[in-house]
Amino acid sequence: MTDVQTQTSATAFLTGRNFCIWDREIGVLHQKGITKLMANLYVKAVPPADLNRNTEWFTYPGVWTTYILILFFFWILVLSVFGCSPGIAWTVVNLAHFAVTYHFFHWKKGTPFAEDQGIYNRLTWWEQVDNGKQLTRNRKFLTVVPLVLYLIASHTTDYQNPMLFFNTVAVIVLVVAKFPHMHKVRIFGINADK
């Protein structure tokens, strides 16, 4: 063995038809195509696109699934506690979802963190998501959820009034508030900065 081979600290061996090199320092098996295959097996850690601590949690894997599961378990809770029909329970879930998301996504401004030095004080949570970029995957998901809830609630109540009216008002208000043209718009100065 020469000094050059010793310094690389790599061991070469023959496995079947393939020539492999095992690098002891970094523990990587180099083989034609094997490193690409192994690299695709692991989750790629990418820094979050959103550095705002108020909204970065929504970029994590599993948040969408958790969001849907919370809505589903809330429906089961309403169904079991109040003993109402599934349609009424979906309407209650839809209206509760409307009230909570409108308040926290489209009404309340700023962040609970002091590190941002007030740069988000005039922005709602919806305006902060994905650094204000429009039509991202997160924004599309958050727009589709009220629509799907509306369709489920309306269908399970057989499109009967007054439930259809309440569900329709809730979905119109939430979806219109999420339009890209409504970004940083305060209708009639409501919720505008003083």
N, C-alpha and C. Protein backbone atom coordinates (compact mmCIF):
# COMPACT_ATOMS: atom_id res chain seq x y z
N MET A 1 0.84 -1.18 0.00
CA MET A 1 0.00 0.00 0.00
C MET A 1 0.88 1.24 0.00
N THR A 2 0.56 2.18 -0.85
CA THR A 2 1.37 3.39 -0.91
C THR A 2 0.84 4.39 0.10
N ASP A 3 1.62 5.48 0.28
CA ASP A 3 1.20 6.52 1.21
C ASP A 3 -0.08 7.21 0.75
N VAL A 4 -0.25 7.35 -0.54
CA VAL A 4 -1.45 8.01 -1.07
C VAL A 4 -2.69 7.21 -0.72
N GLN A 5 -2.62 5.89 -0.85
CA GLN A 5 -3.77 5.06 -0.53
C GLN A 5 -4.08 5.08 0.96
N THR A 6 -3.07 5.16 1.80
CA THR A 6 -3.28 5.20 3.24
C THR A 6 -3.92 6.51 3.66
N GLN A 7 -3.53 7.61 3.03
CA GLN A 7 -4.07 8.91 3.39
C GLN A 7 -5.54 9.06 3.03
N THR A 8 -6.01 8.38 2.02
CA THR A 8 -7.41 8.52 1.65
C THR A 8 -8.33 7.77 2.60
N SER A 9 -7.79 6.83 3.35
CA SER A 9 -8.53 6.01 4.30
C SER A 9 -9.76 5.37 3.68
N ALA A 10 -9.62 4.96 2.44
CA ALA A 10 -10.72 4.30 1.75
C ALA A 10 -10.33 2.87 1.47
N THR A 11 -11.29 1.99 1.54
CA THR A 11 -11.07 0.59 1.25
C THR A 11 -11.85 0.23 0.00
N ALA A 12 -11.16 -0.38 -0.94
CA ALA A 12 -11.81 -0.80 -2.17
C ALA A 12 -12.03 -2.29 -2.12
N PHE A 13 -13.19 -2.73 -2.53
CA PHE A 13 -13.46 -4.16 -2.57
C PHE A 13 -14.43 -4.46 -3.70
N LEU A 14 -14.46 -5.70 -4.06
CA LEU A 14 -15.28 -6.14 -5.17
C LEU A 14 -16.49 -6.88 -4.62
N THR A 15 -17.69 -6.43 -4.98
CA THR A 15 -18.90 -7.12 -4.55
C THR A 15 -19.65 -7.56 -5.80
N GLY A 16 -19.60 -8.82 -6.06
CA GLY A 16 -20.27 -9.33 -7.26
C GLY A 16 -19.65 -8.73 -8.48
N ARG A 17 -20.42 -7.99 -9.23
CA ARG A 17 -19.94 -7.35 -10.44
C ARG A 17 -19.56 -5.89 -10.22
N ASN A 18 -19.92 -5.32 -9.07
CA ASN A 18 -19.71 -3.90 -8.84
C ASN A 18 -18.43 -3.65 -8.05
N PHE A 19 -17.76 -2.58 -8.40
CA PHE A 19 -16.59 -2.16 -7.68
C PHE A 19 -17.03 -1.08 -6.69
N CYS A 20 -16.81 -1.32 -5.40
CA CYS A 20 -17.27 -0.39 -4.37
C CYS A 20 -16.09 0.19 -3.62
N ILE A 21 -16.26 1.39 -3.13
CA ILE A 21 -15.25 2.03 -2.29
C ILE A 21 -15.93 2.44 -1.00
N TRP A 22 -15.40 1.98 0.12
CA TRP A 22 -15.96 2.35 1.42
C TRP A 22 -15.05 3.40 2.04
N ASP A 23 -15.56 4.58 2.25
CA ASP A 23 -14.79 5.67 2.84
C ASP A 23 -15.02 5.62 4.35
N ARG A 24 -13.99 5.28 5.11
CA ARG A 24 -14.13 5.10 6.55
C ARG A 24 -14.35 6.41 7.29
N GLU A 25 -13.85 7.51 6.78
CA GLU A 25 -13.98 8.79 7.48
C GLU A 25 -15.42 9.28 7.51
N ILE A 26 -16.08 9.18 6.39
CA ILE A 26 -17.44 9.69 6.34
C ILE A 26 -18.48 8.58 6.28
N GLY A 27 -18.03 7.35 6.20
CA GLY A 27 -18.94 6.21 6.23
C GLY A 27 -19.87 6.14 5.04
N VAL A 28 -19.36 6.37 3.86
CA VAL A 28 -20.19 6.37 2.66
C VAL A 28 -19.72 5.27 1.73
N LEU A 29 -20.65 4.54 1.18
CA LEU A 29 -20.35 3.51 0.20
C LEU A 29 -20.53 4.13 -1.17
N HIS A 30 -19.43 4.26 -1.92
CA HIS A 30 -19.48 4.84 -3.25
C HIS A 30 -19.61 3.72 -4.26
N GLN A 31 -20.64 3.75 -5.01
CA GLN A 31 -20.86 2.77 -6.06
C GLN A 31 -21.68 3.48 -7.12
N LYS A 32 -21.55 3.01 -8.32
CA LYS A 32 -22.28 3.65 -9.41
C LYS A 32 -23.78 3.62 -9.11
N GLY A 33 -24.37 4.79 -8.89
CA GLY A 33 -25.81 4.90 -8.68
C GLY A 33 -26.25 4.70 -7.24
N ILE A 34 -25.41 4.11 -6.38
CA ILE A 34 -25.86 3.81 -5.02
C ILE A 34 -26.00 5.07 -4.18
N THR A 35 -25.12 6.06 -4.38
CA THR A 35 -25.22 7.27 -3.58
C THR A 35 -26.48 8.06 -3.92
N LYS A 36 -26.86 8.06 -5.19
CA LYS A 36 -28.10 8.74 -5.56
C LYS A 36 -29.30 8.05 -4.95
N LEU A 37 -29.29 6.73 -4.96
CA LEU A 37 -30.39 5.96 -4.39
C LEU A 37 -30.49 6.21 -2.90
N MET A 38 -29.38 6.16 -2.20
CA MET A 38 -29.38 6.37 -0.76
C MET A 38 -29.77 7.80 -0.40
N ALA A 39 -29.39 8.76 -1.21
CA ALA A 39 -29.73 10.15 -0.93
C ALA A 39 -31.23 10.38 -1.04
N ASN A 40 -31.89 9.65 -1.91
CA ASN A 40 -33.33 9.83 -2.07
C ASN A 40 -34.13 9.13 -0.98
N LEU A 41 -33.50 8.28 -0.19
CA LEU A 41 -34.21 7.58 0.88
C LEU A 41 -34.40 8.45 2.12
N TYR A 42 -33.64 9.49 2.26
CA TYR A 42 -33.68 10.33 3.44
C TYR A 42 -34.45 11.61 3.16
N VAL A 43 -35.03 12.16 4.22
CA VAL A 43 -35.71 13.44 4.10
C VAL A 43 -34.67 14.52 3.93
N LYS A 44 -34.88 15.36 2.97
CA LYS A 44 -33.94 16.45 2.73
C LYS A 44 -34.30 17.62 3.64
N ALA A 45 -33.37 18.00 4.48
CA ALA A 45 -33.59 19.11 5.39
C ALA A 45 -33.34 20.41 4.65
N VAL A 46 -34.39 21.14 4.42
CA VAL A 46 -34.31 22.40 3.72
C VAL A 46 -34.68 23.48 4.71
N PRO A 47 -33.93 24.55 4.78
CA PRO A 47 -34.31 25.62 5.70
C PRO A 47 -35.68 26.16 5.33
N PRO A 48 -36.46 26.52 6.32
CA PRO A 48 -37.81 27.00 6.01
C PRO A 48 -37.77 28.26 5.16
N ALA A 49 -38.70 28.33 4.22
CA ALA A 49 -38.77 29.50 3.35
C ALA A 49 -39.28 30.70 4.13
N ASP A 50 -39.95 30.44 5.22
CA ASP A 50 -40.55 31.49 6.01
C ASP A 50 -39.81 31.59 7.34
N LEU A 51 -39.14 32.69 7.58
CA LEU A 51 -38.39 32.85 8.81
C LEU A 51 -39.19 33.54 9.90
N ASN A 52 -40.44 33.85 9.64
CA ASN A 52 -41.33 34.45 10.61
C ASN A 52 -41.79 33.36 11.57
N ARG A 53 -41.46 33.47 12.84
CA ARG A 53 -41.81 32.43 13.81
C ARG A 53 -43.31 32.30 13.98
N ASN A 54 -44.06 33.32 13.65
CA ASN A 54 -45.51 33.28 13.78
C ASN A 54 -46.15 32.36 12.75
N THR A 55 -45.52 32.21 11.58
CA THR A 55 -46.12 31.42 10.51
C THR A 55 -45.28 30.24 10.06
N GLU A 56 -44.04 30.12 10.53
CA GLU A 56 -43.17 29.05 10.04
C GLU A 56 -43.67 27.67 10.41
N TRP A 57 -44.42 27.54 11.49
CA TRP A 57 -44.93 26.24 11.91
C TRP A 57 -45.82 25.62 10.85
N PHE A 58 -46.43 26.45 10.01
CA PHE A 58 -47.34 25.92 9.00
C PHE A 58 -46.59 25.29 7.83
N THR A 59 -45.28 25.45 7.77
CA THR A 59 -44.49 24.84 6.70
C THR A 59 -44.00 23.45 7.06
N TYR A 60 -44.20 23.02 8.30
CA TYR A 60 -43.69 21.72 8.74
C TYR A 60 -44.53 20.58 8.17
N PRO A 61 -43.89 19.43 7.93
CA PRO A 61 -44.65 18.27 7.44
C PRO A 61 -45.66 17.80 8.48
N GLY A 62 -46.80 17.40 8.02
CA GLY A 62 -47.83 16.88 8.91
C GLY A 62 -48.82 17.90 9.41
N VAL A 63 -48.58 19.18 9.16
CA VAL A 63 -49.49 20.21 9.66
C VAL A 63 -50.84 20.12 8.95
N TRP A 64 -50.82 19.89 7.65
CA TRP A 64 -52.09 19.79 6.92
C TRP A 64 -52.91 18.62 7.43
N THR A 65 -52.27 17.49 7.65
CA THR A 65 -52.97 16.31 8.15
C THR A 65 -53.54 16.57 9.54
N THR A 66 -52.75 17.20 10.39
CA THR A 66 -53.21 17.54 11.73
C THR A 66 -54.39 18.49 11.68
N TYR A 67 -54.35 19.45 10.79
CA TYR A 67 -55.44 20.42 10.61
C TYR A 67 -56.75 19.70 10.26
N ILE A 68 -56.67 18.77 9.31
CA ILE A 68 -57.85 18.02 8.88
C ILE A 68 -58.34 17.12 10.01
N LEU A 69 -57.42 16.47 10.73
CA LEU A 69 -57.82 15.60 11.83
C LEU A 69 -58.48 16.38 12.96
N ILE A 70 -58.02 17.58 13.24
CA ILE A 70 -58.66 18.41 14.27
C ILE A 70 -60.09 18.72 13.87
N LEU A 71 -60.31 19.06 12.61
CA LEU A 71 -61.67 19.33 12.14
C LEU A 71 -62.55 18.08 12.25
N PHE A 72 -62.00 16.94 11.86
CA PHE A 72 -62.77 15.69 11.91
C PHE A 72 -63.11 15.32 13.35
N PHE A 73 -62.14 15.41 14.27
CA PHE A 73 -62.41 15.06 15.66
C PHE A 73 -63.34 16.07 16.32
N PHE A 74 -63.29 17.32 15.90
CA PHE A 74 -64.25 18.30 16.40
C PHE A 74 -65.66 17.94 15.94
N TRP A 75 -65.79 17.45 14.70
CA TRP A 75 -67.09 17.01 14.20
C TRP A 75 -67.61 15.84 15.04
N ILE A 76 -66.74 14.88 15.34
CA ILE A 76 -67.14 13.74 16.18
C ILE A 76 -67.55 14.22 17.57
N LEU A 77 -66.82 15.18 18.12
CA LEU A 77 -67.14 15.73 19.43
C LEU A 77 -68.51 16.40 19.42
N VAL A 78 -68.76 17.23 18.42
CA VAL A 78 -70.06 17.91 18.31
C VAL A 78 -71.16 16.88 18.12
N LEU A 79 -70.92 15.90 17.31
CA LEU A 79 -71.90 14.85 17.03
C LEU A 79 -72.24 14.07 18.30
N SER A 80 -71.25 13.74 19.10
CA SER A 80 -71.49 12.93 20.28
C SER A 80 -72.00 13.74 21.47
N VAL A 81 -71.52 14.95 21.66
CA VAL A 81 -71.93 15.75 22.81
C VAL A 81 -73.34 16.29 22.63
N PHE A 82 -73.63 16.85 21.47
CA PHE A 82 -74.94 17.47 21.26
C PHE A 82 -75.99 16.50 20.74
N GLY A 83 -75.57 15.35 20.26
CA GLY A 83 -76.52 14.36 19.77
C GLY A 83 -77.34 14.84 18.58
N CYS A 84 -76.75 15.67 17.75
CA CYS A 84 -77.47 16.21 16.60
C CYS A 84 -77.20 15.36 15.36
N SER A 85 -77.83 15.74 14.27
CA SER A 85 -77.62 15.01 13.01
C SER A 85 -76.23 15.34 12.46
N PRO A 86 -75.70 14.48 11.59
CA PRO A 86 -74.38 14.76 11.01
C PRO A 86 -74.34 16.08 10.24
N GLY A 87 -75.42 16.44 9.57
CA GLY A 87 -75.45 17.71 8.83
C GLY A 87 -75.35 18.92 9.74
N ILE A 88 -76.09 18.88 10.84
CA ILE A 88 -76.02 19.99 11.81
C ILE A 88 -74.62 20.04 12.42
N ALA A 89 -74.04 18.88 12.70
CA ALA A 89 -72.69 18.84 13.27
C ALA A 89 -71.67 19.43 12.30
N TRP A 90 -71.80 19.11 11.00
CA TRP A 90 -70.87 19.69 10.01
C TRP A 90 -71.08 21.20 9.90
N THR A 91 -72.32 21.65 10.03
CA THR A 91 -72.58 23.09 9.99
C THR A 91 -71.95 23.78 11.20
N VAL A 92 -72.06 23.16 12.37
CA VAL A 92 -71.42 23.73 13.57
C VAL A 92 -69.91 23.77 13.39
N VAL A 93 -69.33 22.71 12.84
CA VAL A 93 -67.88 22.68 12.59
C VAL A 93 -67.51 23.77 11.58
N ASN A 94 -68.29 23.91 10.53
CA ASN A 94 -68.02 24.94 9.51
C ASN A 94 -68.08 26.34 10.11
N LEU A 95 -69.11 26.61 10.91
CA LEU A 95 -69.25 27.95 11.49
C LEU A 95 -68.19 28.21 12.56
N ALA A 96 -67.83 27.18 13.34
CA ALA A 96 -66.75 27.35 14.32
C ALA A 96 -65.42 27.58 13.61
N HIS A 97 -65.19 26.83 12.53
CA HIS A 97 -63.97 27.01 11.74
C HIS A 97 -63.93 28.42 11.16
N PHE A 98 -65.07 28.90 10.68
CA PHE A 98 -65.16 30.26 10.15
C PHE A 98 -64.79 31.27 11.23
N ALA A 99 -65.40 31.15 12.41
CA ALA A 99 -65.16 32.14 13.48
C ALA A 99 -63.70 32.14 13.92
N VAL A 100 -63.14 30.96 14.12
CA VAL A 100 -61.76 30.87 14.60
C VAL A 100 -60.77 31.35 13.54
N THR A 101 -60.91 30.86 12.31
CA THR A 101 -59.95 31.24 11.28
C THR A 101 -60.09 32.70 10.87
N TYR A 102 -61.30 33.21 10.85
CA TYR A 102 -61.44 34.62 10.49
C TYR A 102 -60.78 35.50 11.56
N HIS A 103 -61.01 35.16 12.82
CA HIS A 103 -60.42 35.97 13.88
C HIS A 103 -58.89 35.89 13.87
N PHE A 104 -58.36 34.67 13.84
CA PHE A 104 -56.91 34.52 13.97
C PHE A 104 -56.15 34.70 12.66
N PHE A 105 -56.76 34.43 11.52
CA PHE A 105 -56.06 34.55 10.24
C PHE A 105 -56.25 35.91 9.60
N HIS A 106 -57.44 36.50 9.73
CA HIS A 106 -57.76 37.69 8.96
C HIS A 106 -58.06 38.94 9.79
N TRP A 107 -58.15 38.82 11.10
CA TRP A 107 -58.48 39.99 11.91
C TRP A 107 -57.32 40.39 12.81
N LYS A 108 -56.81 39.46 13.58
CA LYS A 108 -55.75 39.75 14.54
C LYS A 108 -54.45 40.06 13.80
N LYS A 109 -53.78 41.11 14.23
CA LYS A 109 -52.54 41.55 13.57
C LYS A 109 -51.33 41.34 14.46
N GLY A 110 -50.16 41.29 13.83
CA GLY A 110 -48.91 41.20 14.56
C GLY A 110 -48.51 39.78 14.88
N THR A 111 -47.50 39.67 15.75
CA THR A 111 -47.02 38.36 16.20
C THR A 111 -46.88 38.41 17.71
N PRO A 112 -46.88 37.25 18.36
CA PRO A 112 -46.67 37.24 19.81
C PRO A 112 -45.20 37.29 20.20
N PHE A 113 -44.31 37.40 19.23
CA PHE A 113 -42.88 37.37 19.49
C PHE A 113 -42.29 38.77 19.36
N ALA A 114 -41.42 39.11 20.30
CA ALA A 114 -40.83 40.45 20.30
C ALA A 114 -39.60 40.55 19.41
N GLU A 115 -39.05 39.42 18.97
CA GLU A 115 -37.81 39.45 18.20
C GLU A 115 -37.96 40.10 16.84
N ASP A 116 -39.18 40.15 16.31
CA ASP A 116 -39.35 40.72 14.97
C ASP A 116 -39.35 42.25 14.97
N GLN A 117 -39.29 42.85 16.14
CA GLN A 117 -39.19 44.30 16.32
C GLN A 117 -40.33 45.06 15.65
N GLY A 118 -41.49 44.45 15.63
CA GLY A 118 -42.68 45.14 15.15
C GLY A 118 -42.87 45.21 13.65
N ILE A 119 -42.07 44.47 12.87
CA ILE A 119 -42.22 44.58 11.41
C ILE A 119 -43.51 43.94 10.92
N TYR A 120 -44.13 43.07 11.73
CA TYR A 120 -45.38 42.42 11.33
C TYR A 120 -46.60 43.00 12.04
N ASN A 121 -46.44 44.09 12.76
CA ASN A 121 -47.53 44.64 13.56
C ASN A 121 -48.74 45.07 12.74
N ARG A 122 -48.55 45.43 11.50
CA ARG A 122 -49.67 45.87 10.66
C ARG A 122 -50.20 44.78 9.74
N LEU A 123 -49.69 43.56 9.89
CA LEU A 123 -50.09 42.46 9.02
C LEU A 123 -50.86 41.40 9.80
N THR A 124 -51.90 40.87 9.17
CA THR A 124 -52.62 39.74 9.75
C THR A 124 -51.81 38.47 9.52
N TRP A 125 -52.23 37.39 10.16
CA TRP A 125 -51.52 36.12 9.98
C TRP A 125 -51.55 35.69 8.53
N TRP A 126 -52.69 35.86 7.87
CA TRP A 126 -52.82 35.48 6.46
C TRP A 126 -51.84 36.27 5.59
N GLU A 127 -51.63 37.53 5.90
CA GLU A 127 -50.71 38.36 5.12
C GLU A 127 -49.24 38.02 5.41
N GLN A 128 -49.00 37.34 6.52
CA GLN A 128 -47.64 36.93 6.87
C GLN A 128 -47.26 35.56 6.32
N VAL A 129 -48.25 34.72 6.01
CA VAL A 129 -47.98 33.35 5.55
C VAL A 129 -47.14 33.38 4.29
N ASP A 130 -46.11 32.56 4.26
CA ASP A 130 -45.20 32.44 3.11
C ASP A 130 -44.64 33.79 2.68
N ASN A 131 -44.37 34.64 3.64
CA ASN A 131 -43.81 35.98 3.41
C ASN A 131 -44.65 36.81 2.44
N GLY A 132 -45.94 36.59 2.44
CA GLY A 132 -46.84 37.38 1.59
C GLY A 132 -46.93 36.91 0.16
N LYS A 133 -46.24 35.84 -0.20
CA LYS A 133 -46.33 35.32 -1.58
C LYS A 133 -47.73 34.77 -1.79
N GLN A 134 -48.28 35.03 -2.96
CA GLN A 134 -49.64 34.60 -3.28
C GLN A 134 -49.64 33.25 -3.97
N LEU A 135 -50.73 32.54 -3.84
CA LEU A 135 -50.99 31.27 -4.52
C LEU A 135 -49.93 30.21 -4.26
N THR A 136 -49.44 30.15 -3.04
CA THR A 136 -48.52 29.08 -2.65
C THR A 136 -49.34 27.86 -2.25
N ARG A 137 -48.68 26.74 -2.02
CA ARG A 137 -49.38 25.51 -1.64
C ARG A 137 -50.12 25.69 -0.32
N ASN A 138 -49.50 26.35 0.65
CA ASN A 138 -50.16 26.56 1.94
C ASN A 138 -51.41 27.42 1.79
N ARG A 139 -51.31 28.48 1.01
CA ARG A 139 -52.47 29.36 0.82
C ARG A 139 -53.59 28.64 0.07
N LYS A 140 -53.23 27.83 -0.91
CA LYS A 140 -54.25 27.07 -1.63
C LYS A 140 -54.94 26.08 -0.70
N PHE A 141 -54.16 25.42 0.14
CA PHE A 141 -54.75 24.48 1.10
C PHE A 141 -55.72 25.20 2.03
N LEU A 142 -55.29 26.34 2.56
CA LEU A 142 -56.14 27.08 3.49
C LEU A 142 -57.36 27.69 2.81
N THR A 143 -57.34 27.81 1.49
CA THR A 143 -58.51 28.27 0.74
C THR A 143 -59.44 27.11 0.43
N VAL A 144 -58.90 25.95 0.18
CA VAL A 144 -59.72 24.79 -0.17
C VAL A 144 -60.46 24.24 1.05
N VAL A 145 -59.87 24.30 2.23
CA VAL A 145 -60.51 23.74 3.42
C VAL A 145 -61.90 24.33 3.67
N PRO A 146 -62.09 25.66 3.67
CA PRO A 146 -63.45 26.17 3.87
C PRO A 146 -64.41 25.76 2.76
N LEU A 147 -63.91 25.65 1.54
CA LEU A 147 -64.77 25.22 0.43
C LEU A 147 -65.24 23.78 0.63
N VAL A 148 -64.33 22.91 1.03
CA VAL A 148 -64.70 21.51 1.26
C VAL A 148 -65.65 21.40 2.45
N LEU A 149 -65.37 22.14 3.52
CA LEU A 149 -66.29 22.15 4.66
C LEU A 149 -67.67 22.63 4.25
N TYR A 150 -67.72 23.65 3.41
CA TYR A 150 -69.00 24.17 2.92
C TYR A 150 -69.75 23.10 2.13
N LEU A 151 -69.05 22.42 1.24
CA LEU A 151 -69.70 21.38 0.43
C LEU A 151 -70.21 20.24 1.31
N ILE A 152 -69.41 19.82 2.28
CA ILE A 152 -69.84 18.73 3.17
C ILE A 152 -71.04 19.17 4.00
N ALA A 153 -70.94 20.36 4.61
CA ALA A 153 -72.03 20.84 5.47
C ALA A 153 -73.31 21.07 4.67
N SER A 154 -73.20 21.63 3.49
CA SER A 154 -74.39 21.89 2.68
C SER A 154 -75.01 20.60 2.17
N HIS A 155 -74.19 19.67 1.75
CA HIS A 155 -74.72 18.40 1.23
C HIS A 155 -75.38 17.57 2.33
N THR A 156 -74.75 17.53 3.51
CA THR A 156 -75.31 16.70 4.58
C THR A 156 -76.55 17.32 5.21
N THR A 157 -76.80 18.61 4.98
CA THR A 157 -78.05 19.23 5.45
C THR A 157 -79.07 19.31 4.32
N ASP A 158 -78.79 18.64 3.20
CA ASP A 158 -79.68 18.60 2.03
C ASP A 158 -80.01 19.99 1.49
N TYR A 159 -79.07 20.90 1.61
CA TYR A 159 -79.20 22.26 1.08
C TYR A 159 -80.46 22.95 1.61
N GLN A 160 -80.78 22.70 2.87
CA GLN A 160 -81.97 23.28 3.51
C GLN A 160 -81.60 24.59 4.19
N ASN A 161 -82.53 25.54 4.13
CA ASN A 161 -82.36 26.77 4.90
C ASN A 161 -82.75 26.48 6.33
N PRO A 162 -82.22 27.13 7.31
CA PRO A 162 -81.29 28.25 7.30
C PRO A 162 -79.83 27.83 7.26
N MET A 163 -79.56 26.51 7.34
CA MET A 163 -78.17 26.05 7.37
C MET A 163 -77.41 26.41 6.10
N LEU A 164 -78.06 26.31 4.97
CA LEU A 164 -77.41 26.67 3.70
C LEU A 164 -77.00 28.14 3.71
N PHE A 165 -77.86 28.99 4.23
CA PHE A 165 -77.56 30.42 4.29
C PHE A 165 -76.32 30.68 5.15
N PHE A 166 -76.29 30.10 6.36
CA PHE A 166 -75.15 30.31 7.26
C PHE A 166 -73.85 29.76 6.67
N ASN A 167 -73.93 28.57 6.08
CA ASN A 167 -72.73 27.98 5.46
C ASN A 167 -72.24 28.82 4.28
N THR A 168 -73.18 29.35 3.49
CA THR A 168 -72.81 30.15 2.32
C THR A 168 -72.15 31.46 2.74
N VAL A 169 -72.72 32.13 3.72
CA VAL A 169 -72.13 33.39 4.20
C VAL A 169 -70.72 33.13 4.74
N ALA A 170 -70.56 32.06 5.50
CA ALA A 170 -69.24 31.76 6.08
C ALA A 170 -68.20 31.50 5.00
N VAL A 171 -68.56 30.71 3.98
CA VAL A 171 -67.57 30.40 2.94
C VAL A 171 -67.27 31.62 2.08
N ILE A 172 -68.26 32.43 1.79
CA ILE A 172 -68.00 33.63 0.98
C ILE A 172 -67.06 34.58 1.70
N VAL A 173 -67.32 34.83 2.97
CA VAL A 173 -66.46 35.75 3.73
C VAL A 173 -65.03 35.21 3.81
N LEU A 174 -64.88 33.92 4.11
CA LEU A 174 -63.53 33.36 4.23
C LEU A 174 -62.78 33.32 2.91
N VAL A 175 -63.46 32.92 1.85
CA VAL A 175 -62.76 32.78 0.57
C VAL A 175 -62.44 34.15 -0.03
N VAL A 176 -63.35 35.09 0.07
CA VAL A 176 -63.07 36.44 -0.44
C VAL A 176 -61.90 37.07 0.33
N ALA A 177 -61.83 36.82 1.62
CA ALA A 177 -60.72 37.37 2.42
C ALA A 177 -59.37 36.78 2.01
N LYS A 178 -59.39 35.63 1.35
CA LYS A 178 -58.15 34.98 0.94
C LYS A 178 -57.73 35.29 -0.49
N PHE A 179 -58.53 36.01 -1.24
CA PHE A 179 -58.18 36.35 -2.62
C PHE A 179 -56.88 37.15 -2.66
N PRO A 180 -56.04 36.93 -3.67
CA PRO A 180 -54.80 37.70 -3.79
C PRO A 180 -55.04 39.21 -3.90
N HIS A 181 -56.15 39.61 -4.50
CA HIS A 181 -56.44 41.05 -4.64
C HIS A 181 -56.86 41.68 -3.32
N MET A 182 -57.13 40.86 -2.32
CA MET A 182 -57.53 41.39 -1.01
C MET A 182 -56.34 41.49 -0.06
N HIS A 183 -55.13 41.22 -0.55
CA HIS A 183 -53.93 41.28 0.28
C HIS A 183 -53.71 42.70 0.77
N LYS A 184 -53.70 42.88 2.07
CA LYS A 184 -53.51 44.16 2.76
C LYS A 184 -54.63 45.16 2.48
N VAL A 185 -55.79 44.69 2.05
CA VAL A 185 -56.94 45.56 1.80
C VAL A 185 -57.82 45.56 3.03
N ARG A 186 -58.24 46.73 3.48
CA ARG A 186 -59.16 46.87 4.60
C ARG A 186 -60.44 47.51 4.05
N ILE A 187 -61.50 46.71 3.94
CA ILE A 187 -62.76 47.21 3.38
C ILE A 187 -63.38 48.21 4.33
N PHE A 188 -63.75 49.37 3.80
CA PHE A 188 -64.34 50.48 4.56
C PHE A 188 -63.47 50.89 5.74
N GLY A 189 -62.19 50.59 5.70
CA GLY A 189 -61.29 50.97 6.78
C GLY A 189 -61.44 50.11 8.03
N ILE A 190 -62.22 49.03 7.94
CA ILE A 190 -62.41 48.15 9.09
C ILE A 190 -61.10 47.44 9.39
N ASN A 191 -60.70 47.46 10.63
CA ASN A 191 -59.46 46.85 11.10
C ASN A 191 -58.22 47.54 10.51
N ALA A 192 -58.38 48.76 10.06
CA ALA A 192 -57.24 49.53 9.53
C ALA A 192 -56.46 50.12 10.70
N ASP A 193 -55.21 50.44 10.43
CA ASP A 193 -54.38 51.05 11.46
C ASP A 193 -54.85 52.46 11.71
N LYS A 194 -54.82 52.84 12.94
CA LYS A 194 -55.28 54.18 13.32
C LYS A 194 -54.18 55.20 13.11
